[in-house]
Amino acid sequence: MRGAVYVNGTIVPAGQAVVPVYDHGFVYGEGVYETLRTYNGVPFLYDRHVRRLRRSAEQLLLDVPFDNATLLKWIGQTMEAADDNAQPRSESYIRVLLTRGVGELTYDPKATPSPTLVIIVKPLEPPAPRVSSDGIRIALVDILRNHPASVSPMIKSNNLLNNALAMQAAYRRGAEEGLMCNYRGELSECSQANFFLVRGGAALTPKSASGLLEGVTRAFLFEVGKDVGVEVRDEILYPKDLDTADEMFITSTTRELSPVVMVDDRTVGSGRPGPITQKLLGGYQRAAQELTRTPQSAGTRR
C-alpha cells in the first residue's frame, strides 16, 4: 500500500493505518466520505467537496468537529507525509472519511461521542491513455439505485453496497462501469460516476430527482459547458434514450470525463470518442489547471 493515512491526529504509512473494530463506520457503515484529487499539488474544488461532506453528515445527524481550514491543514500534512515516500512526486488522490466513531454495539448515537476522521493520501493513478483515445464500455445493469425513502442517494455514505453490487455486475459482463436505473425505470447514475449522453450537440445528464448523487465534477461541467460553448442540461432520461445518443461519457473526480463508446453490445455513435466529449474534456482540464495555479482559488470559480 502506498501513501500515508491520518487517523484522529496521527499520520502513519498506509500499511500501518488502523481503526478499532468497534468503530461504527466498520460495524454499521455509519459514515460519510469525499474523494478529491490535486492539480499542481492543490486539492481541486476543495470547498465544494467539503460542503457536500457537511451536507451528507447532516443527513446522518453526524457531528463535523472541525472547520474547513483545519481539515485542509490536516490534508496538507498527510500529503507531505505521503510525498516523502513517493519518487518522483505525482498528483495526489485524497479520500476523507468521517464515521460515527467508536462505541458499544448499539444504534444509539450516544454510544459514540467522538467521530473518527480518516484521511487517505496516495499517488493519483490517472486513467490509462486508451480511455480518452479509445473510450470505454459500460453495462446497463439490473441493480437499481437506492430508493430515496430508503438510503438517500444524496448521502455520500461509506456504505457502498449498492454501488459495489452494480459495479460487480458490470465486471461480470466485461464492462468498466455499471449504469443504474431508479425504481421508476429512469436512468440515474453509474456505480462510481455520473452519466451524460450527447444528443443534438447538447450534453444531457439525469436530473437529481432521478435518485443520484450530485457529483462535484458533474456540477462543474455545467460551468465548463458555458466556457466552451456546449449546452449542458439535466433531463429525465430512460434506457430508450441510449439508442438516440451521438456520444456518451461519464464523469468523476479521478476520471474527469471518460468517453463511452459501447453500452453492453451496442456501439455508441461512431464508436469513437466524440467531438463534444473531447471539447468538454479539454475545457475541464484547462479550467482545473487555471484554478489551481493560485491555491486560494482552487475551491471557487469566478
Protein backbone atom coordinates (compact mmCIF):
# COMPACT_ATOMS: atom_id res chain seq x y z
CA MET A 1 0.00 0.00 0.00
CA ARG A 2 1.35 3.40 -1.00
CA GLY A 3 0.85 6.77 0.62
CA ALA A 4 0.04 7.95 4.12
CA VAL A 5 -3.05 7.94 6.32
CA TYR A 6 -4.25 10.34 9.02
CA VAL A 7 -6.35 8.72 11.76
CA ASN A 8 -7.62 11.04 14.51
CA GLY A 9 -4.48 13.15 14.65
CA THR A 10 -1.83 10.52 13.88
CA ILE A 11 -0.26 10.10 10.44
CA VAL A 12 1.30 6.74 9.54
CA PRO A 13 2.35 4.89 6.36
CA ALA A 14 -0.70 3.43 4.62
CA GLY A 15 0.09 -0.16 5.58
CA GLN A 16 0.12 0.72 9.29
CA ALA A 17 -3.20 2.62 9.47
CA VAL A 18 -5.93 1.03 11.60
CA VAL A 19 -9.27 1.88 13.20
CA PRO A 20 -10.83 -0.07 16.09
CA VAL A 21 -13.23 -2.85 15.10
CA TYR A 22 -15.87 -1.23 17.32
CA ASP A 23 -15.88 1.84 15.09
CA HIS A 24 -19.45 2.25 13.86
CA GLY A 25 -18.16 3.08 10.40
CA PHE A 26 -16.89 -0.51 10.29
CA VAL A 27 -19.66 -2.42 12.08
CA TYR A 28 -22.65 -0.44 10.75
CA GLY A 29 -21.37 1.56 7.79
CA GLU A 30 -22.27 4.80 9.57
CA GLY A 31 -20.14 7.44 7.96
CA VAL A 32 -19.61 9.75 5.02
CA TYR A 33 -16.72 10.46 2.71
CA GLU A 34 -15.36 12.60 -0.09
CA THR A 35 -12.79 11.83 -2.78
CA LEU A 36 -10.60 14.64 -4.08
CA ARG A 37 -7.61 14.90 -6.37
CA THR A 38 -4.93 17.51 -6.84
CA TYR A 39 -3.81 19.53 -9.81
CA ASN A 40 -0.49 21.32 -9.39
CA GLY A 41 -0.41 19.80 -5.90
CA VAL A 42 -3.60 21.65 -4.86
CA PRO A 43 -6.83 19.86 -3.82
CA PHE A 44 -9.26 20.78 -6.60
CA LEU A 45 -12.70 22.24 -5.79
CA TYR A 46 -11.95 21.69 -2.11
CA ASP A 47 -14.69 23.99 -0.80
CA ARG A 48 -17.33 22.24 -2.86
CA HIS A 49 -16.27 18.79 -1.70
CA VAL A 50 -16.30 19.81 1.96
CA ARG A 51 -19.67 21.48 1.55
CA ARG A 52 -21.05 18.18 0.28
CA LEU A 53 -19.33 16.27 3.11
CA ARG A 54 -21.11 18.50 5.60
CA ARG A 55 -24.47 18.04 3.85
CA SER A 56 -24.04 14.27 3.91
CA ALA A 57 -23.06 14.30 7.60
CA GLU A 58 -26.05 16.48 8.45
CA GLN A 59 -28.40 13.89 6.97
CA LEU A 60 -26.88 11.29 9.32
CA LEU A 61 -27.00 13.70 12.29
CA LEU A 62 -23.23 13.23 12.38
CA ASP A 63 -21.15 15.95 14.01
CA VAL A 64 -18.33 17.52 11.95
CA PRO A 65 -15.99 18.79 14.71
CA PHE A 66 -13.58 20.86 12.58
CA ASP A 67 -13.65 23.82 10.23
CA ASN A 68 -12.64 23.77 6.57
CA ALA A 69 -9.28 25.42 7.14
CA THR A 70 -8.29 22.90 9.81
CA LEU A 71 -9.27 19.96 7.63
CA LEU A 72 -7.26 21.42 4.76
CA LYS A 73 -4.24 21.74 7.07
CA TRP A 74 -4.52 18.08 8.05
CA ILE A 75 -4.85 17.07 4.40
CA GLY A 76 -1.71 19.07 3.64
CA GLN A 77 0.20 17.36 6.44
CA THR A 78 -0.89 13.95 5.16
CA MET A 79 0.13 14.90 1.63
CA GLU A 80 3.58 15.87 2.89
CA ALA A 81 3.94 12.52 4.64
CA ALA A 82 2.80 10.67 1.51
CA ASP A 83 5.22 12.66 -0.65
CA ASP A 84 8.14 11.50 1.50
CA ASN A 85 7.52 8.01 0.13
CA ALA A 86 6.76 9.00 -3.48
CA GLN A 87 9.52 9.35 -6.06
CA PRO A 88 9.05 11.12 -8.34
CA ARG A 89 6.29 13.24 -6.84
CA SER A 90 2.92 12.92 -8.52
CA GLU A 91 -0.54 14.36 -8.15
CA SER A 92 -2.46 13.03 -5.15
CA TYR A 93 -5.60 11.01 -4.58
CA ILE A 94 -7.29 12.14 -1.34
CA ARG A 95 -10.11 10.39 0.50
CA VAL A 96 -11.65 11.94 3.60
CA LEU A 97 -13.82 9.64 5.75
CA LEU A 98 -15.82 10.67 8.79
CA THR A 99 -17.55 7.97 10.83
CA ARG A 100 -19.82 7.88 13.86
CA GLY A 101 -16.83 6.76 15.92
CA VAL A 102 -16.03 4.02 18.44
CA GLY A 103 -18.66 2.73 20.86
CA GLU A 104 -20.69 -0.19 22.11
CA LEU A 105 -22.64 -2.23 19.57
CA THR A 106 -25.84 -0.22 19.55
CA TYR A 107 -27.50 2.14 17.11
CA ASP A 108 -27.78 4.81 19.81
CA PRO A 109 -25.55 7.76 18.77
CA LYS A 110 -24.92 8.50 22.45
CA ALA A 111 -22.61 5.48 22.48
CA THR A 112 -20.21 7.24 20.11
CA PRO A 113 -19.42 10.72 21.45
CA SER A 114 -16.34 11.27 19.24
CA PRO A 115 -16.39 10.86 15.43
CA THR A 116 -13.47 9.18 13.69
CA LEU A 117 -11.67 11.13 10.96
CA VAL A 118 -9.53 9.32 8.41
CA ILE A 119 -7.61 10.99 5.57
CA ILE A 120 -6.05 8.73 2.93
CA VAL A 121 -3.48 10.22 0.56
CA LYS A 122 -1.75 8.22 -2.13
CA PRO A 123 -0.31 8.90 -5.59
CA LEU A 124 -3.04 9.53 -8.13
CA GLU A 125 -3.41 6.81 -10.72
CA PRO A 126 -5.00 8.58 -13.71
CA PRO A 127 -6.97 6.63 -16.30
CA ALA A 128 -4.90 4.86 -18.93
CA PRO A 129 -4.34 6.91 -22.12
CA ARG A 130 -6.53 4.48 -24.08
CA VAL A 131 -9.58 5.69 -22.07
CA SER A 132 -9.56 9.12 -23.68
CA SER A 133 -8.26 7.90 -27.05
CA ASP A 134 -10.46 4.81 -27.49
CA GLY A 135 -13.24 5.12 -24.91
CA ILE A 136 -14.74 2.55 -22.58
CA ARG A 137 -17.61 0.08 -22.45
CA ILE A 138 -20.32 0.29 -19.80
CA ALA A 139 -23.21 -2.03 -18.96
CA LEU A 140 -26.82 -1.21 -18.12
CA VAL A 141 -27.19 -3.36 -15.00
CA ASP A 142 -30.24 -4.75 -13.21
CA ILE A 143 -29.21 -3.37 -9.81
CA LEU A 144 -31.44 -0.39 -9.01
CA ARG A 145 -30.18 2.80 -7.40
CA ASN A 146 -31.23 3.15 -3.77
CA HIS A 147 -34.82 4.28 -3.27
CA PRO A 148 -34.66 7.82 -1.78
CA ALA A 149 -37.02 6.77 1.01
CA SER A 150 -34.58 4.00 1.97
CA VAL A 151 -30.99 5.28 1.93
CA SER A 152 -30.93 8.60 0.13
CA PRO A 153 -28.53 8.62 -2.83
CA MET A 154 -27.82 12.25 -1.90
CA ILE A 155 -25.79 10.98 1.08
CA LYS A 156 -22.23 10.18 0.06
CA SER A 157 -22.14 7.31 2.51
CA ASN A 158 -19.35 4.92 3.43
CA ASN A 159 -21.92 2.17 2.94
CA LEU A 160 -21.37 1.45 -0.75
CA LEU A 161 -23.01 -1.96 -1.08
CA ASN A 162 -25.48 -0.74 -3.72
CA ASN A 163 -22.62 0.67 -5.80
CA ALA A 164 -20.43 -2.39 -5.30
CA LEU A 165 -23.15 -4.77 -6.48
CA ALA A 166 -23.73 -2.66 -9.59
CA MET A 167 -20.04 -2.49 -10.39
CA GLN A 168 -19.57 -6.22 -9.89
CA ALA A 169 -22.48 -6.91 -12.24
CA ALA A 170 -20.74 -4.72 -14.85
CA TYR A 171 -17.43 -6.52 -14.38
CA ARG A 172 -19.14 -9.87 -15.00
CA ARG A 173 -20.30 -8.52 -18.35
CA GLY A 174 -16.87 -7.27 -19.37
CA ALA A 175 -17.67 -3.58 -18.80
CA GLU A 176 -15.78 -0.88 -16.94
CA GLU A 177 -18.81 0.78 -15.34
CA GLY A 178 -22.35 -0.13 -14.38
CA LEU A 179 -25.20 2.22 -15.31
CA MET A 180 -28.20 2.04 -12.98
CA CYS A 181 -31.85 2.99 -13.20
CA ASN A 182 -34.06 4.12 -10.36
CA TYR A 183 -37.22 2.40 -9.16
CA ARG A 184 -39.26 4.30 -11.80
CA GLY A 185 -37.12 2.97 -14.65
CA GLU A 186 -35.32 6.29 -15.27
CA LEU A 187 -31.57 6.38 -15.85
CA SER A 188 -29.84 7.51 -12.68
CA GLU A 189 -26.05 7.20 -12.48
CA CYS A 190 -23.15 4.80 -12.67
CA SER A 191 -21.69 2.96 -9.71
CA GLN A 192 -18.73 5.34 -9.40
CA ALA A 193 -19.57 8.16 -11.77
CA ASN A 194 -22.27 10.42 -13.16
CA PHE A 195 -23.61 9.75 -16.65
CA PHE A 196 -24.03 12.00 -19.69
CA LEU A 197 -25.24 11.41 -23.23
CA VAL A 198 -24.84 13.81 -26.13
CA ARG A 199 -27.74 14.41 -28.49
CA GLY A 200 -28.13 17.23 -30.98
CA GLY A 201 -24.93 18.87 -29.78
CA ALA A 202 -26.08 19.13 -26.14
CA ALA A 203 -24.77 17.12 -23.18
CA LEU A 204 -27.65 15.68 -21.15
CA THR A 205 -27.42 14.19 -17.67
CA PRO A 206 -30.16 12.66 -15.48
CA LYS A 207 -31.90 15.04 -13.12
CA SER A 208 -31.11 14.87 -9.41
CA ALA A 209 -34.70 13.78 -8.85
CA SER A 210 -33.83 10.53 -10.64
CA GLY A 211 -32.03 9.41 -7.49
CA LEU A 212 -28.38 10.22 -7.99
CA LEU A 213 -25.54 11.69 -6.02
CA GLU A 214 -24.86 15.18 -7.36
CA GLY A 215 -21.23 14.85 -8.36
CA VAL A 216 -18.90 17.79 -7.89
CA THR A 217 -17.44 17.15 -11.34
CA ARG A 218 -20.95 16.85 -12.81
CA ALA A 219 -21.92 20.24 -11.40
CA PHE A 220 -18.66 21.87 -12.50
CA LEU A 221 -19.26 20.64 -16.06
CA PHE A 222 -22.28 22.93 -16.37
CA GLU A 223 -19.86 25.82 -15.90
CA VAL A 224 -17.29 24.35 -18.28
CA GLY A 225 -20.00 23.96 -20.91
CA LYS A 226 -20.70 27.68 -20.81
CA ASP A 227 -16.99 28.40 -21.22
CA VAL A 228 -16.56 26.19 -24.30
CA GLY A 229 -19.94 26.83 -25.92
CA VAL A 230 -21.60 23.47 -25.26
CA GLU A 231 -25.09 23.30 -23.79
CA VAL A 232 -25.15 21.13 -20.68
CA ARG A 233 -28.53 20.42 -19.11
CA ASP A 234 -30.33 17.86 -16.98
CA GLU A 235 -33.32 15.85 -18.16
CA ILE A 236 -35.33 12.80 -17.22
CA LEU A 237 -33.68 10.06 -19.28
CA TYR A 238 -34.70 6.45 -19.92
CA PRO A 239 -32.90 3.37 -21.28
CA LYS A 240 -34.52 4.00 -24.67
CA ASP A 241 -32.58 7.28 -24.86
CA LEU A 242 -29.34 5.32 -25.04
CA ASP A 243 -30.24 4.35 -28.62
CA THR A 244 -30.56 8.01 -29.66
CA ALA A 245 -27.20 9.20 -28.31
CA ASP A 246 -24.50 10.56 -30.60
CA GLU A 247 -21.93 10.33 -27.80
CA MET A 248 -21.73 9.33 -24.14
CA PHE A 249 -19.33 9.93 -21.29
CA ILE A 250 -19.08 9.55 -17.53
CA THR A 251 -17.65 11.98 -15.01
CA SER A 252 -15.93 11.68 -11.65
CA THR A 253 -13.23 13.40 -9.65
CA THR A 254 -10.46 10.96 -10.53
CA ARG A 255 -11.63 10.10 -14.06
CA GLU A 256 -12.51 13.64 -15.21
CA LEU A 257 -14.51 12.75 -18.37
CA SER A 258 -14.27 9.22 -19.76
CA PRO A 259 -15.77 8.71 -23.24
CA VAL A 260 -18.20 5.78 -23.55
CA VAL A 261 -18.19 4.02 -26.93
CA MET A 262 -20.24 0.91 -26.09
CA VAL A 263 -23.23 0.11 -23.87
CA ASP A 264 -23.35 -3.65 -23.48
CA ASP A 265 -23.01 -4.82 -27.12
CA ARG A 266 -24.36 -1.63 -28.69
CA THR A 267 -21.98 0.85 -30.30
CA VAL A 268 -22.44 4.50 -29.36
CA GLY A 269 -22.39 6.87 -32.34
CA SER A 270 -19.29 6.32 -34.47
CA GLY A 271 -17.76 4.01 -31.90
CA ARG A 272 -15.07 6.59 -31.12
CA PRO A 273 -14.86 9.41 -28.54
CA GLY A 274 -16.92 12.23 -29.98
CA PRO A 275 -16.16 15.93 -30.54
CA ILE A 276 -18.48 17.26 -27.82
CA THR A 277 -16.95 14.93 -25.24
CA GLN A 278 -13.45 15.96 -26.30
CA LYS A 279 -14.36 19.66 -26.23
CA LEU A 280 -15.75 19.39 -22.71
CA LEU A 281 -12.78 17.32 -21.52
CA GLY A 282 -10.34 19.88 -22.89
CA GLY A 283 -12.26 22.71 -21.24
CA TYR A 284 -12.39 20.84 -17.94
CA GLN A 285 -8.65 20.17 -17.91
CA ARG A 286 -7.83 23.78 -18.81
CA ALA A 287 -10.09 25.07 -16.02
CA ALA A 288 -8.55 22.68 -13.49
CA GLN A 289 -5.06 23.88 -14.34
CA GLU A 290 -6.10 27.53 -14.31
CA LEU A 291 -7.86 27.35 -10.95
CA THR A 292 -5.03 25.52 -9.18
CA ARG A 293 -2.24 27.83 -10.27
CA THR A 294 -3.47 30.09 -7.46
CA PRO A 295 -4.28 27.79 -4.49
CA GLN A 296 -6.68 30.33 -2.93
CA SER A 297 -8.99 29.94 -5.95
CA ALA A 298 -8.96 26.14 -6.13
CA GLY A 299 -12.37 25.78 -4.50
CA THR A 300 -14.14 28.59 -6.27
CA ARG A 301 -14.82 29.76 -9.79
CA ARG A 302 -15.22 33.40 -10.72
